[in-house]
Structure formats: C-alpha cells, structure tokens
Amino acid sequence: MICVNELAKLNCNKRDILEPLLIVLTPFAPHISEELWHVLGNQGSILDASFPALIESYLIENSFVYPVAVNGKTRTEYEFQLDADRSTIEEIILKDEIVIKWMEGKPLKKFIYINGKMINVVI
C-alpha cells in the first residue's frame, strides 16, 4: 500500500513500473494481480512472467530526514543528503525560522550533528 500511495502521488501510470510491481505482488495477492495483468493488455498468466531483476543501486539511501532539536527537544525536521557538509547543514539550520524562534535570541553554545542520526542545537 505504501508503494501504491507513493505511485499515486507521482501520478505514475508507466507500464515499465506497474508490470514488475504486479509480478512482485503476485505471491501476496494472486487473483487481483492476475486481473490487473490482463487489464494492462498482457496475454497469458502472470505466473509465467519472469521475476524482475534486482538493481542494487536503487537500494542505497542517499538522503535522510534529520530530527532537529533545540536543547534536546525536537522542534522540526530537515532532509539532507547523507554526504552533505557539516558547515552547510549548520548554516541552513541556524537560519531556519523555527530554530531561531526556539533559540529566543540566545547565543549558540554547541551544534551537535551526527550523520544519519540527528541534529541538536544547544543554547
């Protein structure tokens, strides 16, 4: 369902994406997969179709949604690339309206950034 919701958001109706999805879905929902297979215009059974090949490059995460905390309390979230520079991230976070609001004009004591985990602004 997560996949279907994401594809619906993208307004995806490409056959190259939907056919492999149906093949992967077949063990879990064989009857509806067979029906949809024929709706897509395929002849024969979906059970005769070959399973999609694994493309490992699609499995690698390259961004992360960081929880941003001010004094240990999560106030907002930001998505950054995992290979992003710490100074760039710090600059963006310290210019954020929500972080500025919670800093209440106090000076920054410490900026804690743990790659792939969290960001904490200590005042």
PDB file of N, CA and C in Angstrom:
ATOM      1  N   MET A   1       0.819  -1.197   0.000  1.00  0.00           N
ATOM      2  CA  MET A   1       0.000   0.000   0.000  1.00  0.00           C
ATOM      3  C   MET A   1       0.862   1.260   0.000  1.00  0.00           C
ATOM      4  N   ILE A   2       2.014   1.212   0.686  1.00  0.00           N
ATOM      5  CA  ILE A   2       2.906   2.366   0.698  1.00  0.00           C
ATOM      6  C   ILE A   2       3.374   2.672  -0.715  1.00  0.00           C
ATOM      7  N   CYS A   3       3.744   1.634  -1.433  1.00  0.00           N
ATOM      8  CA  CYS A   3       4.201   1.800  -2.812  1.00  0.00           C
ATOM      9  C   CYS A   3       3.088   2.372  -3.684  1.00  0.00           C
ATOM     10  N   VAL A   4       1.899   1.855  -3.555  1.00  0.00           N
ATOM     11  CA  VAL A   4       0.766   2.330  -4.348  1.00  0.00           C
ATOM     12  C   VAL A   4       0.478   3.796  -4.036  1.00  0.00           C
ATOM     13  N   ASN A   5       0.526   4.162  -2.759  1.00  0.00           N
ATOM     14  CA  ASN A   5       0.283   5.557  -2.382  1.00  0.00           C
ATOM     15  C   ASN A   5       1.354   6.483  -2.966  1.00  0.00           C
ATOM     16  N   GLU A   6       2.618   6.054  -2.918  1.00  0.00           N
ATOM     17  CA  GLU A   6       3.699   6.867  -3.481  1.00  0.00           C
ATOM     18  C   GLU A   6       3.543   7.011  -4.994  1.00  0.00           C
ATOM     19  N   LEU A   7       3.183   5.922  -5.675  1.00  0.00           N
ATOM     20  CA  LEU A   7       2.986   5.988  -7.120  1.00  0.00           C
ATOM     21  C   LEU A   7       1.790   6.866  -7.474  1.00  0.00           C
ATOM     22  N   ALA A   8       0.760   6.840  -6.644  1.00  0.00           N
ATOM     23  CA  ALA A   8      -0.408   7.695  -6.889  1.00  0.00           C
ATOM     24  C   ALA A   8      -0.040   9.171  -6.733  1.00  0.00           C
ATOM     25  N   LYS A   9       0.801   9.500  -5.736  1.00  0.00           N
ATOM     26  CA  LYS A   9       1.246  10.879  -5.558  1.00  0.00           C
ATOM     27  C   LYS A   9       2.018  11.365  -6.778  1.00  0.00           C
ATOM     28  N   LEU A  10       2.801  10.460  -7.372  1.00  0.00           N
ATOM     29  CA  LEU A  10       3.599  10.810  -8.541  1.00  0.00           C
ATOM     30  C   LEU A  10       2.802  10.752  -9.836  1.00  0.00           C
ATOM     31  N   ASN A  11       1.533  10.349  -9.722  1.00  0.00           N
ATOM     32  CA  ASN A  11       0.664  10.181 -10.889  1.00  0.00           C
ATOM     33  C   ASN A  11       1.310   9.244 -11.909  1.00  0.00           C
ATOM     34  N   CYS A  12       1.844   8.141 -11.413  1.00  0.00           N
ATOM     35  CA  CYS A  12       2.578   7.188 -12.245  1.00  0.00           C
ATOM     36  C   CYS A  12       1.615   6.197 -12.889  1.00  0.00           C
ATOM     37  N   ASN A  13       1.714   6.071 -14.193  1.00  0.00           N
ATOM     38  CA  ASN A  13       0.929   5.074 -14.910  1.00  0.00           C
ATOM     39  C   ASN A  13       1.787   4.416 -15.992  1.00  0.00           C
ATOM     40  N   LYS A  14       3.076   4.326 -15.734  1.00  0.00           N
ATOM     41  CA  LYS A  14       4.008   3.745 -16.690  1.00  0.00           C
ATOM     42  C   LYS A  14       4.003   2.226 -16.598  1.00  0.00           C
ATOM     43  N   ARG A  15       3.886   1.608 -17.713  1.00  0.00           N
ATOM     44  CA  ARG A  15       3.848   0.153 -17.805  1.00  0.00           C
ATOM     45  C   ARG A  15       5.146  -0.470 -17.278  1.00  0.00           C
ATOM     46  N   ASP A  16       6.297   0.191 -17.519  1.00  0.00           N
ATOM     47  CA  ASP A  16       7.597  -0.331 -17.075  1.00  0.00           C
ATOM     48  C   ASP A  16       7.704  -0.417 -15.558  1.00  0.00           C
ATOM     49  N   ILE A  17       6.913   0.349 -14.854  1.00  0.00           N
ATOM     50  CA  ILE A  17       6.921   0.319 -13.392  1.00  0.00           C
ATOM     51  C   ILE A  17       5.820  -0.591 -12.863  1.00  0.00           C
ATOM     52  N   LEU A  18       4.644  -0.522 -13.467  1.00  0.00           N
ATOM     53  CA  LEU A  18       3.497  -1.269 -12.944  1.00  0.00           C
ATOM     54  C   LEU A  18       3.591  -2.781 -13.183  1.00  0.00           C
ATOM     55  N   GLU A  19       4.124  -3.200 -14.319  1.00  0.00           N
ATOM     56  CA  GLU A  19       4.218  -4.640 -14.580  1.00  0.00           C
ATOM     57  C   GLU A  19       5.136  -5.354 -13.586  1.00  0.00           C
ATOM     58  N   PRO A  20       6.369  -4.871 -13.350  1.00  0.00           N
ATOM     59  CA  PRO A  20       7.195  -5.547 -12.330  1.00  0.00           C
ATOM     60  C   PRO A  20       6.570  -5.504 -10.938  1.00  0.00           C
ATOM     61  N   LEU A  21       5.870  -4.415 -10.622  1.00  0.00           N
ATOM     62  CA  LEU A  21       5.189  -4.327  -9.328  1.00  0.00           C
ATOM     63  C   LEU A  21       4.134  -5.413  -9.206  1.00  0.00           C
ATOM     64  N   LEU A  22       3.374  -5.646 -10.260  1.00  0.00           N
ATOM     65  CA  LEU A  22       2.364  -6.713 -10.244  1.00  0.00           C
ATOM     66  C   LEU A  22       2.997  -8.084 -10.071  1.00  0.00           C
ATOM     67  N   ILE A  23       4.125  -8.315 -10.743  1.00  0.00           N
ATOM     68  CA  ILE A  23       4.804  -9.613 -10.636  1.00  0.00           C
ATOM     69  C   ILE A  23       5.273  -9.853  -9.207  1.00  0.00           C
ATOM     70  N   VAL A  24       5.810  -8.812  -8.563  1.00  0.00           N
ATOM     71  CA  VAL A  24       6.270  -8.933  -7.178  1.00  0.00           C
ATOM     72  C   VAL A  24       5.086  -9.111  -6.233  1.00  0.00           C
ATOM     73  N   LEU A  25       3.961  -8.520  -6.547  1.00  0.00           N
ATOM     74  CA  LEU A  25       2.766  -8.596  -5.709  1.00  0.00           C
ATOM     75  C   LEU A  25       2.042  -9.940  -5.817  1.00  0.00           C
ATOM     76  N   THR A  26       2.290 -10.677  -6.888  1.00  0.00           N
ATOM     77  CA  THR A  26       1.556 -11.913  -7.171  1.00  0.00           C
ATOM     78  C   THR A  26       1.547 -12.933  -6.029  1.00  0.00           C
ATOM     79  N   PRO A  27       2.664 -13.213  -5.335  1.00  0.00           N
ATOM     80  CA  PRO A  27       2.586 -14.194  -4.238  1.00  0.00           C
ATOM     81  C   PRO A  27       1.662 -13.782  -3.101  1.00  0.00           C
ATOM     82  N   PHE A  28       1.445 -12.483  -2.923  1.00  0.00           N
ATOM     83  CA  PHE A  28       0.622 -11.996  -1.822  1.00  0.00           C
ATOM     84  C   PHE A  28      -0.839 -11.797  -2.214  1.00  0.00           C
ATOM     85  N   ALA A  29      -1.080 -11.434  -3.475  1.00  0.00           N
ATOM     86  CA  ALA A  29      -2.440 -11.181  -3.953  1.00  0.00           C
ATOM     87  C   ALA A  29      -2.565 -11.723  -5.374  1.00  0.00           C
ATOM     88  N   PRO A  30      -2.618 -13.042  -5.528  1.00  0.00           N
ATOM     89  CA  PRO A  30      -2.562 -13.633  -6.866  1.00  0.00           C
ATOM     90  C   PRO A  30      -3.750 -13.296  -7.752  1.00  0.00           C
ATOM     91  N   HIS A  31      -4.930 -13.250  -7.207  1.00  0.00           N
ATOM     92  CA  HIS A  31      -6.121 -13.057  -8.042  1.00  0.00           C
ATOM     93  C   HIS A  31      -6.195 -11.643  -8.607  1.00  0.00           C
ATOM     94  N   ILE A  32      -5.993 -10.644  -7.752  1.00  0.00           N
ATOM     95  CA  ILE A  32      -6.063  -9.269  -8.243  1.00  0.00           C
ATOM     96  C   ILE A  32      -4.884  -8.967  -9.163  1.00  0.00           C
ATOM     97  N   SER A  33      -3.725  -9.573  -8.881  1.00  0.00           N
ATOM     98  CA  SER A  33      -2.565  -9.377  -9.752  1.00  0.00           C
ATOM     99  C   SER A  33      -2.836  -9.934 -11.144  1.00  0.00           C
ATOM    100  N   GLU A  34      -3.474 -11.085 -11.199  1.00  0.00           N
ATOM    101  CA  GLU A  34      -3.810 -11.695 -12.494  1.00  0.00           C
ATOM    102  C   GLU A  34      -4.793 -10.808 -13.266  1.00  0.00           C
ATOM    103  N   GLU A  35      -5.790 -10.279 -12.554  1.00  0.00           N
ATOM    104  CA  GLU A  35      -6.767  -9.404 -13.201  1.00  0.00           C
ATOM    105  C   GLU A  35      -6.097  -8.147 -13.759  1.00  0.00           C
ATOM    106  N   LEU A  36      -5.271  -7.515 -12.944  1.00  0.00           N
ATOM    107  CA  LEU A  36      -4.591  -6.296 -13.378  1.00  0.00           C
ATOM    108  C   LEU A  36      -3.601  -6.571 -14.510  1.00  0.00           C
ATOM    109  N   TRP A  37      -3.003  -7.747 -14.499  1.00  0.00           N
ATOM    110  CA  TRP A  37      -2.078  -8.162 -15.567  1.00  0.00           C
ATOM    111  C   TRP A  37      -2.800  -8.151 -16.917  1.00  0.00           C
ATOM    112  N   HIS A  38      -4.022  -8.671 -16.927  1.00  0.00           N
ATOM    113  CA  HIS A  38      -4.799  -8.702 -18.157  1.00  0.00           C
ATOM    114  C   HIS A  38      -5.339  -7.314 -18.526  1.00  0.00           C
ATOM    115  N   VAL A  39      -5.643  -6.498 -17.523  1.00  0.00           N
ATOM    116  CA  VAL A  39      -6.094  -5.128 -17.792  1.00  0.00           C
ATOM    117  C   VAL A  39      -4.981  -4.339 -18.487  1.00  0.00           C
ATOM    118  N   LEU A  40      -3.733  -4.645 -18.146  1.00  0.00           N
ATOM    119  CA  LEU A  40      -2.605  -3.985 -18.797  1.00  0.00           C
ATOM    120  C   LEU A  40      -2.390  -4.472 -20.227  1.00  0.00           C
ATOM    121  N   GLY A  41      -3.164  -5.473 -20.635  1.00  0.00           N
ATOM    122  CA  GLY A  41      -3.098  -5.932 -22.013  1.00  0.00           C
ATOM    123  C   GLY A  41      -2.187  -7.122 -22.249  1.00  0.00           C
ATOM    124  N   ASN A  42      -1.731  -7.773 -21.192  1.00  0.00           N
ATOM    125  CA  ASN A  42      -0.854  -8.928 -21.345  1.00  0.00           C
ATOM    126  C   ASN A  42      -1.661 -10.181 -21.629  1.00  0.00           C
ATOM    127  N   GLN A  43      -1.100 -11.054 -22.440  1.00  0.00           N
ATOM    128  CA  GLN A  43      -1.707 -12.346 -22.730  1.00  0.00           C
ATOM    129  C   GLN A  43      -1.059 -13.403 -21.837  1.00  0.00           C
ATOM    130  N   GLY A  44      -1.765 -14.435 -21.520  1.00  0.00           N
ATOM    131  CA  GLY A  44      -1.227 -15.496 -20.675  1.00  0.00           C
ATOM    132  C   GLY A  44      -1.306 -15.120 -19.210  1.00  0.00           C
ATOM    133  N   SER A  45      -0.764 -16.010 -18.390  1.00  0.00           N
ATOM    134  CA  SER A  45      -0.838 -15.824 -16.946  1.00  0.00           C
ATOM    135  C   SER A  45       0.349 -15.023 -16.430  1.00  0.00           C
ATOM    136  N   ILE A  46       0.115 -14.301 -15.356  1.00  0.00           N
ATOM    137  CA  ILE A  46       1.190 -13.553 -14.708  1.00  0.00           C
ATOM    138  C   ILE A  46       2.199 -14.509 -14.084  1.00  0.00           C
ATOM    139  N   LEU A  47       1.758 -15.733 -13.800  1.00  0.00           N
ATOM    140  CA  LEU A  47       2.652 -16.722 -13.206  1.00  0.00           C
ATOM    141  C   LEU A  47       3.752 -17.158 -14.170  1.00  0.00           C
ATOM    142  N   ASP A  48       3.553 -16.936 -15.465  1.00  0.00           N
ATOM    143  CA  ASP A  48       4.561 -17.284 -16.455  1.00  0.00           C
ATOM    144  C   ASP A  48       5.578 -16.163 -16.680  1.00  0.00           C
ATOM    145  N   ALA A  49       5.330 -14.995 -16.126  1.00  0.00           N
ATOM    146  CA  ALA A  49       6.240 -13.853 -16.305  1.00  0.00           C
ATOM    147  C   ALA A  49       7.487 -14.050 -15.443  1.00  0.00           C
ATOM    148  N   SER A  50       8.611 -13.557 -15.924  1.00  0.00           N
ATOM    149  CA  SER A  50       9.856 -13.690 -15.156  1.00  0.00           C
ATOM    150  C   SER A  50       9.910 -12.628 -14.066  1.00  0.00           C
ATOM    151  N   PHE A  51      10.497 -13.015 -12.936  1.00  0.00           N
ATOM    152  CA  PHE A  51      10.609 -12.125 -11.784  1.00  0.00           C
ATOM    153  C   PHE A  51      11.575 -10.987 -12.121  1.00  0.00           C
ATOM    154  N   PRO A  52      11.305  -9.762 -11.691  1.00  0.00           N
ATOM    155  CA  PRO A  52      12.178  -8.625 -12.025  1.00  0.00           C
ATOM    156  C   PRO A  52      13.585  -8.795 -11.440  1.00  0.00           C
ATOM    157  N   ALA A  53      14.564  -8.284 -12.162  1.00  0.00           N
ATOM    158  CA  ALA A  53      15.953  -8.358 -11.710  1.00  0.00           C
ATOM    159  C   ALA A  53      16.202  -7.325 -10.611  1.00  0.00           C
ATOM    160  N   LEU A  54      17.104  -7.665  -9.707  1.00  0.00           N
ATOM    161  CA  LEU A  54      17.470  -6.765  -8.621  1.00  0.00           C
ATOM    162  C   LEU A  54      18.453  -5.721  -9.145  1.00  0.00           C
ATOM    163  N   ILE A  55      18.161  -4.458  -8.894  1.00  0.00           N
ATOM    164  CA  ILE A  55      19.065  -3.366  -9.236  1.00  0.00           C
ATOM    165  C   ILE A  55      19.506  -2.741  -7.914  1.00  0.00           C
ATOM    166  N   GLU A  56      20.708  -3.080  -7.485  1.00  0.00           N
ATOM    167  CA  GLU A  56      21.177  -2.696  -6.149  1.00  0.00           C
ATOM    168  C   GLU A  56      21.324  -1.200  -5.956  1.00  0.00           C
ATOM    169  N   SER A  57      21.528  -0.457  -7.023  1.00  0.00           N
ATOM    170  CA  SER A  57      21.693   0.992  -6.877  1.00  0.00           C
ATOM    171  C   SER A  57      20.411   1.653  -6.351  1.00  0.00           C
ATOM    172  N   TYR A  58      19.260   1.021  -6.543  1.00  0.00           N
ATOM    173  CA  TYR A  58      18.003   1.575  -6.029  1.00  0.00           C
ATOM    174  C   TYR A  58      17.847   1.354  -4.525  1.00  0.00           C
ATOM    175  N   LEU A  59      18.655   0.488  -3.935  1.00  0.00           N
ATOM    176  CA  LEU A  59      18.531   0.168  -2.524  1.00  0.00           C
ATOM    177  C   LEU A  59      19.362   1.077  -1.626  1.00  0.00           C
ATOM    178  N   ILE A  60      20.202   1.908  -2.203  1.00  0.00           N
ATOM    179  CA  ILE A  60      21.103   2.751  -1.430  1.00  0.00           C
ATOM    180  C   ILE A  60      20.398   4.050  -1.069  1.00  0.00           C
ATOM    181  N   GLU A  61      20.367   4.339   0.229  1.00  0.00           N
ATOM    182  CA  GLU A  61      19.785   5.590   0.713  1.00  0.00           C
ATOM    183  C   GLU A  61      20.809   6.702   0.504  1.00  0.00           C
ATOM    184  N   ASN A  62      20.393   7.816  -0.046  1.00  0.00           N
ATOM    185  CA  ASN A  62      21.315   8.921  -0.225  1.00  0.00           C
ATOM    186  C   ASN A  62      20.843  10.205   0.450  1.00  0.00           C
ATOM    187  N   SER A  63      19.712  10.137   1.149  1.00  0.00           N
ATOM    188  CA  SER A  63      19.261  11.290   1.927  1.00  0.00           C
ATOM    189  C   SER A  63      18.628  10.776   3.225  1.00  0.00           C
ATOM    190  N   PHE A  64      18.526  11.675   4.196  1.00  0.00           N
ATOM    191  CA  PHE A  64      17.982  11.313   5.496  1.00  0.00           C
ATOM    192  C   PHE A  64      17.192  12.492   6.040  1.00  0.00           C
ATOM    193  N   VAL A  65      16.077  12.207   6.684  1.00  0.00           N
ATOM    194  CA  VAL A  65      15.273  13.245   7.337  1.00  0.00           C
ATOM    195  C   VAL A  65      15.746  13.330   8.787  1.00  0.00           C
ATOM    196  N   TYR A  66      16.447  14.422   9.088  1.00  0.00           N
ATOM    197  CA  TYR A  66      17.018  14.614  10.417  1.00  0.00           C
ATOM    198  C   TYR A  66      16.021  15.283  11.340  1.00  0.00           C
ATOM    199  N   PRO A  67      15.833  14.736  12.546  1.00  0.00           N
ATOM    200  CA  PRO A  67      15.083  15.485  13.547  1.00  0.00           C
ATOM    201  C   PRO A  67      15.997  16.595  14.080  1.00  0.00           C
ATOM    202  N   VAL A  68      15.484  17.803  14.136  1.00  0.00           N
ATOM    203  CA  VAL A  68      16.270  18.934  14.621  1.00  0.00           C
ATOM    204  C   VAL A  68      15.737  19.312  15.992  1.00  0.00           C
ATOM    205  N   ALA A  69      16.607  19.210  16.989  1.00  0.00           N
ATOM    206  CA  ALA A  69      16.218  19.501  18.364  1.00  0.00           C
ATOM    207  C   ALA A  69      16.886  20.787  18.823  1.00  0.00           C
ATOM    208  N   VAL A  70      16.184  21.520  19.670  1.00  0.00           N
ATOM    209  CA  VAL A  70      16.753  22.683  20.339  1.00  0.00           C
ATOM    210  C   VAL A  70      16.743  22.357  21.821  1.00  0.00           C
ATOM    211  N   ASN A  71      17.926  22.303  22.413  1.00  0.00           N
ATOM    212  CA  ASN A  71      18.110  21.898  23.808  1.00  0.00           C
ATOM    213  C   ASN A  71      17.473  20.537  24.101  1.00  0.00           C
ATOM    214  N   GLY A  72      17.614  19.619  23.183  1.00  0.00           N
ATOM    215  CA  GLY A  72      17.167  18.251  23.401  1.00  0.00           C
ATOM    216  C   GLY A  72      15.718  17.967  23.069  1.00  0.00           C
ATOM    217  N   LYS A  73      14.943  18.980  22.696  1.00  0.00           N
ATOM    218  CA  LYS A  73      13.539  18.768  22.347  1.00  0.00           C
ATOM    219  C   LYS A  73      13.369  18.964  20.845  1.00  0.00           C
ATOM    220  N   THR A  74      12.820  17.961  20.185  1.00  0.00           N
ATOM    221  CA  THR A  74      12.652  18.016  18.743  1.00  0.00           C
ATOM    222  C   THR A  74      11.641  19.104  18.379  1.00  0.00           C
ATOM    223  N   ARG A  75      12.073  19.984  17.481  1.00  0.00           N
ATOM    224  CA  ARG A  75      11.233  21.111  17.086  1.00  0.00           C
ATOM    225  C   ARG A  75      10.840  21.062  15.614  1.00  0.00           C
ATOM    226  N   THR A  76      11.678  20.474  14.755  1.00  0.00           N
ATOM    227  CA  THR A  76      11.396  20.426  13.330  1.00  0.00           C
ATOM    228  C   THR A  76      12.190  19.285  12.701  1.00  0.00           C
ATOM    229  N   GLU A  77      12.022  19.098  11.410  1.00  0.00           N
ATOM    230  CA  GLU A  77      12.755  18.076  10.658  1.00  0.00           C
ATOM    231  C   GLU A  77      13.284  18.706   9.376  1.00  0.00           C
ATOM    232  N   TYR A  78      14.432  18.217   8.937  1.00  0.00           N
ATOM    233  CA  TYR A  78      15.045  18.661   7.692  1.00  0.00           C
ATOM    234  C   TYR A  78      15.595  17.452   6.957  1.00  0.00           C
ATOM    235  N   GLU A  79      15.476  17.470   5.644  1.00  0.00           N
ATOM    236  CA  GLU A  79      16.054  16.395   4.841  1.00  0.00           C
ATOM    237  C   GLU A  79      17.324  16.907   4.170  1.00  0.00           C
ATOM    238  N   PHE A  80      18.423  16.153   4.384  1.00  0.00           N
ATOM    239  CA  PHE A  80      19.708  16.478   3.786  1.00  0.00           C
ATOM    240  C   PHE A  80      20.293  15.233   3.138  1.00  0.00           C
ATOM    241  N   GLN A  81      21.163  15.451   2.163  1.00  0.00           N
ATOM    242  CA  GLN A  81      21.911  14.347   1.572  1.00  0.00           C
ATOM    243  C   GLN A  81      22.861  13.799   2.646  1.00  0.00           C
ATOM    244  N   LEU A  82      23.108  12.492   2.630  1.00  0.00           N
ATOM    245  CA  LEU A  82      23.982  11.892   3.631  1.00  0.00           C
ATOM    246  C   LEU A  82      25.430  12.346   3.482  1.00  0.00           C
ATOM    247  N   ASP A  83      25.803  12.799   2.296  1.00  0.00           N
ATOM    248  CA  ASP A  83      27.175  13.263   2.099  1.00  0.00           C
ATOM    249  C   ASP A  83      27.288  14.784   2.199  1.00  0.00           C
ATOM    250  N   ALA A  84      26.284  15.432   2.768  1.00  0.00           N
ATOM    251  CA  ALA A  84      26.292  16.888   2.892  1.00  0.00           C
ATOM    252  C   ALA A  84      27.347  17.332   3.900  1.00  0.00           C
ATOM    253  N   ASP A  85      27.895  18.506   3.686  1.00  0.00           N
ATOM    254  CA  ASP A  85      28.935  19.077   4.535  1.00  0.00           C
ATOM    255  C   ASP A  85      28.334  19.607   5.833  1.00  0.00           C
ATOM    256  N   ARG A  86      29.028  19.377   6.946  1.00  0.00           N
ATOM    257  CA  ARG A  86      28.543  19.787   8.260  1.00  0.00           C
ATOM    258  C   ARG A  86      28.338  21.305   8.333  1.00  0.00           C
ATOM    259  N   SER A  87      29.260  22.072   7.780  1.00  0.00           N
ATOM    260  CA  SER A  87      29.145  23.535   7.857  1.00  0.00           C
ATOM    261  C   SER A  87      27.931  24.039   7.080  1.00  0.00           C
ATOM    262  N   THR A  88      27.623  23.402   5.962  1.00  0.00           N
ATOM    263  CA  THR A  88      26.450  23.778   5.171  1.00  0.00           C
ATOM    264  C   THR A  88      25.172  23.477   5.944  1.00  0.00           C
ATOM    265  N   ILE A  89      25.131  22.320   6.569  1.00  0.00           N
ATOM    266  CA  ILE A  89      23.955  21.936   7.365  1.00  0.00           C
ATOM    267  C   ILE A  89      23.769  22.895   8.530  1.00  0.00           C
ATOM    268  N   GLU A  90      24.862  23.209   9.217  1.00  0.00           N
ATOM    269  CA  GLU A  90      24.781  24.121  10.360  1.00  0.00           C
ATOM    270  C   GLU A  90      24.261  25.490   9.926  1.00  0.00           C
ATOM    271  N   GLU A  91      24.747  25.979   8.798  1.00  0.00           N
ATOM    272  CA  GLU A  91      24.316  27.276   8.279  1.00  0.00           C
ATOM    273  C   GLU A  91      22.816  27.284   7.979  1.00  0.00           C
ATOM    274  N   ILE A  92      22.323  26.227   7.338  1.00  0.00           N
ATOM    275  CA  ILE A  92      20.908  26.137   6.982  1.00  0.00           C
ATOM    276  C   ILE A  92      20.035  26.038   8.226  1.00  0.00           C
ATOM    277  N   ILE A  93      20.451  25.212   9.183  1.00  0.00           N
ATOM    278  CA  ILE A  93      19.658  25.018  10.401  1.00  0.00           C
ATOM    279  C   ILE A  93      19.580  26.299  11.211  1.00  0.00           C
ATOM    280  N   LEU A  94      20.698  27.000  11.346  1.00  0.00           N
ATOM    281  CA  LEU A  94      20.703  28.206  12.169  1.00  0.00           C
ATOM    282  C   LEU A  94      19.951  29.366  11.526  1.00  0.00           C
ATOM    283  N   LYS A  95      19.625  29.267  10.240  1.00  0.00           N
ATOM    284  CA  LYS A  95      18.822  30.289   9.561  1.00  0.00           C
ATOM    285  C   LYS A  95      17.341  29.929   9.512  1.00  0.00           C
ATOM    286  N   ASP A  96      16.992  28.737   9.988  1.00  0.00           N
ATOM    287  CA  ASP A  96      15.602  28.293   9.965  1.00  0.00           C
ATOM    288  C   ASP A  96      14.761  29.102  10.951  1.00  0.00           C
ATOM    289  N   GLU A  97      13.555  29.481  10.523  1.00  0.00           N
ATOM    290  CA  GLU A  97      12.670  30.306  11.351  1.00  0.00           C
ATOM    291  C   GLU A  97      12.291  29.610  12.662  1.00  0.00           C
ATOM    292  N   ILE A  98      12.014  28.327  12.599  1.00  0.00           N
ATOM    293  CA  ILE A  98      11.589  27.591  13.799  1.00  0.00           C
ATOM    294  C   ILE A  98      12.725  27.529  14.807  1.00  0.00           C
ATOM    295  N   VAL A  99      13.941  27.248  14.327  1.00  0.00           N
ATOM    296  CA  VAL A  99      15.097  27.170  15.226  1.00  0.00           C
ATOM    297  C   VAL A  99      15.374  28.547  15.831  1.00  0.00           C
ATOM    298  N   ILE A 100      15.296  29.589  15.029  1.00  0.00           N
ATOM    299  CA  ILE A 100      15.524  30.953  15.531  1.00  0.00           C
ATOM    300  C   ILE A 100      14.493  31.294  16.605  1.00  0.00           C
ATOM    301  N   LYS A 101      13.239  30.891  16.372  1.00  0.00           N
ATOM    302  CA  LYS A 101      12.171  31.156  17.353  1.00  0.00           C
ATOM    303  C   LYS A 101      12.488  30.489  18.689  1.00  0.00           C
ATOM    304  N   TRP A 102      12.943  29.226  18.653  1.00  0.00           N
ATOM    305  CA  TRP A 102      13.198  28.496  19.884  1.00  0.00           C
ATOM    306  C   TRP A 102      14.520  28.884  20.546  1.00  0.00           C
ATOM    307  N   MET A 103      15.419  29.503  19.791  1.00  0.00           N
ATOM    308  CA  MET A 103      16.671  29.980  20.399  1.00  0.00           C
ATOM    309  C   MET A 103      16.432  31.238  21.221  1.00  0.00           C
ATOM    310  N   GLU A 104      15.343  31.938  20.937  1.00  0.00           N
ATOM    311  CA  GLU A 104      14.923  33.121  21.695  1.00  0.00           C
ATOM    312  C   GLU A 104      16.032  34.159  21.817  1.00  0.00           C
ATOM    313  N   GLY A 105      16.844  34.318  20.775  1.00  0.00           N
ATOM    314  CA  GLY A 105      17.903  35.324  20.783  1.00  0.00           C
ATOM    315  C   GLY A 105      19.120  34.961  21.605  1.00  0.00           C
ATOM    316  N   LYS A 106      19.151  33.781  22.185  1.00  0.00           N
ATOM    317  CA  LYS A 106      20.303  33.356  22.997  1.00  0.00           C
ATOM    318  C   LYS A 106      21.418  32.882  22.075  1.00  0.00           C
ATOM    319  N   PRO A 107      22.665  33.016  22.524  1.00  0.00           N
ATOM    320  CA  PRO A 107      23.788  32.592  21.676  1.00  0.00           C
ATOM    321  C   PRO A 107      23.915  31.062  21.622  1.00  0.00           C
ATOM    322  N   LEU A 108      24.463  30.593  20.535  1.00  0.00           N
ATOM    323  CA  LEU A 108      24.681  29.157  20.334  1.00  0.00           C
ATOM    324  C   LEU A 108      25.853  28.697  21.192  1.00  0.00           C
ATOM    325  N   LYS A 109      25.637  27.661  22.003  1.00  0.00           N
ATOM    326  CA  LYS A 109      26.730  27.083  22.798  1.00  0.00           C
ATOM    327  C   LYS A 109      27.400  25.944  22.042  1.00  0.00           C
ATOM    328  N   LYS A 110      26.556  25.105  21.425  1.00  0.00           N
ATOM    329  CA  LYS A 110      27.104  23.920  20.770  1.00  0.00           C
ATOM    330  C   LYS A 110      26.148  23.462  19.675  1.00  0.00           C
ATOM    331  N   PHE A 111      26.718  23.022  18.563  1.00  0.00           N
ATOM    332  CA  PHE A 111      25.934  22.460  17.469  1.00  0.00           C
ATOM    333  C   PHE A 111      26.345  21.001  17.332  1.00  0.00           C
ATOM    334  N   ILE A 112      25.407  20.101  17.609  1.00  0.00           N
ATOM    335  CA  ILE A 112      25.693  18.666  17.561  1.00  0.00           C
ATOM    336  C   ILE A 112      25.064  18.095  16.299  1.00  0.00           C
ATOM    337  N   TYR A 113      25.921  17.491  15.469  1.00  0.00           N
ATOM    338  CA  TYR A 113      25.463  16.880  14.221  1.00  0.00           C
ATOM    339  C   TYR A 113      26.036  15.476  14.145  1.00  0.00           C
ATOM    340  N   ILE A 114      25.165  14.495  14.108  1.00  0.00           N
ATOM    341  CA  ILE A 114      25.566  13.101  13.951  1.00  0.00           C
ATOM    342  C   ILE A 114      24.998  12.626  12.627  1.00  0.00           C
ATOM    343  N   ASN A 115      25.897  12.339  11.683  1.00  0.00           N
ATOM    344  CA  ASN A 115      25.495  11.974  10.325  1.00  0.00           C
ATOM    345  C   ASN A 115      24.570  10.758  10.323  1.00  0.00           C
ATOM    346  N   GLY A 116      23.425  10.917   9.698  1.00  0.00           N
ATOM    347  CA  GLY A 116      22.455   9.838   9.598  1.00  0.00           C
ATOM    348  C   GLY A 116      21.652   9.597  10.858  1.00  0.00           C
ATOM    349  N   LYS A 117      21.762  10.465  11.865  1.00  0.00           N
ATOM    350  CA  LYS A 117      21.042  10.260  13.129  1.00  0.00           C
ATOM    351  C   LYS A 117      20.218  11.477  13.537  1.00  0.00           C
ATOM    352  N   MET A 118      20.910  12.584  13.885  1.00  0.00           N
ATOM    353  CA  MET A 118      20.184  13.717  14.463  1.00  0.00           C
ATOM    354  C   MET A 118      20.996  14.991  14.431  1.00  0.00           C
ATOM    355  N   ILE A 119      20.305  16.096  14.706  1.00  0.00           N
ATOM    356  CA  ILE A 119      20.917  17.422  14.838  1.00  0.00           C
ATOM    357  C   ILE A 119      20.354  18.039  16.118  1.00  0.00           C
ATOM    358  N   ASN A 120      21.259  18.618  16.941  1.00  0.00           N
ATOM    359  CA  ASN A 120      20.819  19.257  18.176  1.00  0.00           C
ATOM    360  C   ASN A 120      21.505  20.613  18.293  1.00  0.00           C
ATOM    361  N   VAL A 121      20.717  21.629  18.555  1.00  0.00           N
ATOM    362  CA  VAL A 121      21.217  22.971  18.765  1.00  0.00           C
ATOM    363  C   VAL A 121      21.132  23.236  20.267  1.00  0.00           C
ATOM    364  N   VAL A 122      22.295  23.478  20.883  1.00  0.00           N
ATOM    365  CA  VAL A 122      22.334  23.706  22.325  1.00  0.00           C
ATOM    366  C   VAL A 122      22.553  25.193  22.558  1.00  0.00           C
ATOM    367  N   ILE A 123      21.657  25.782  23.368  1.00  0.00           N
ATOM    368  CA  ILE A 123      21.763  27.222  23.694  1.00  0.00           C
ATOM    369  C   ILE A 123      21.955  27.414  25.172  1.00  0.00           C
TER     370      ILE A 123
END
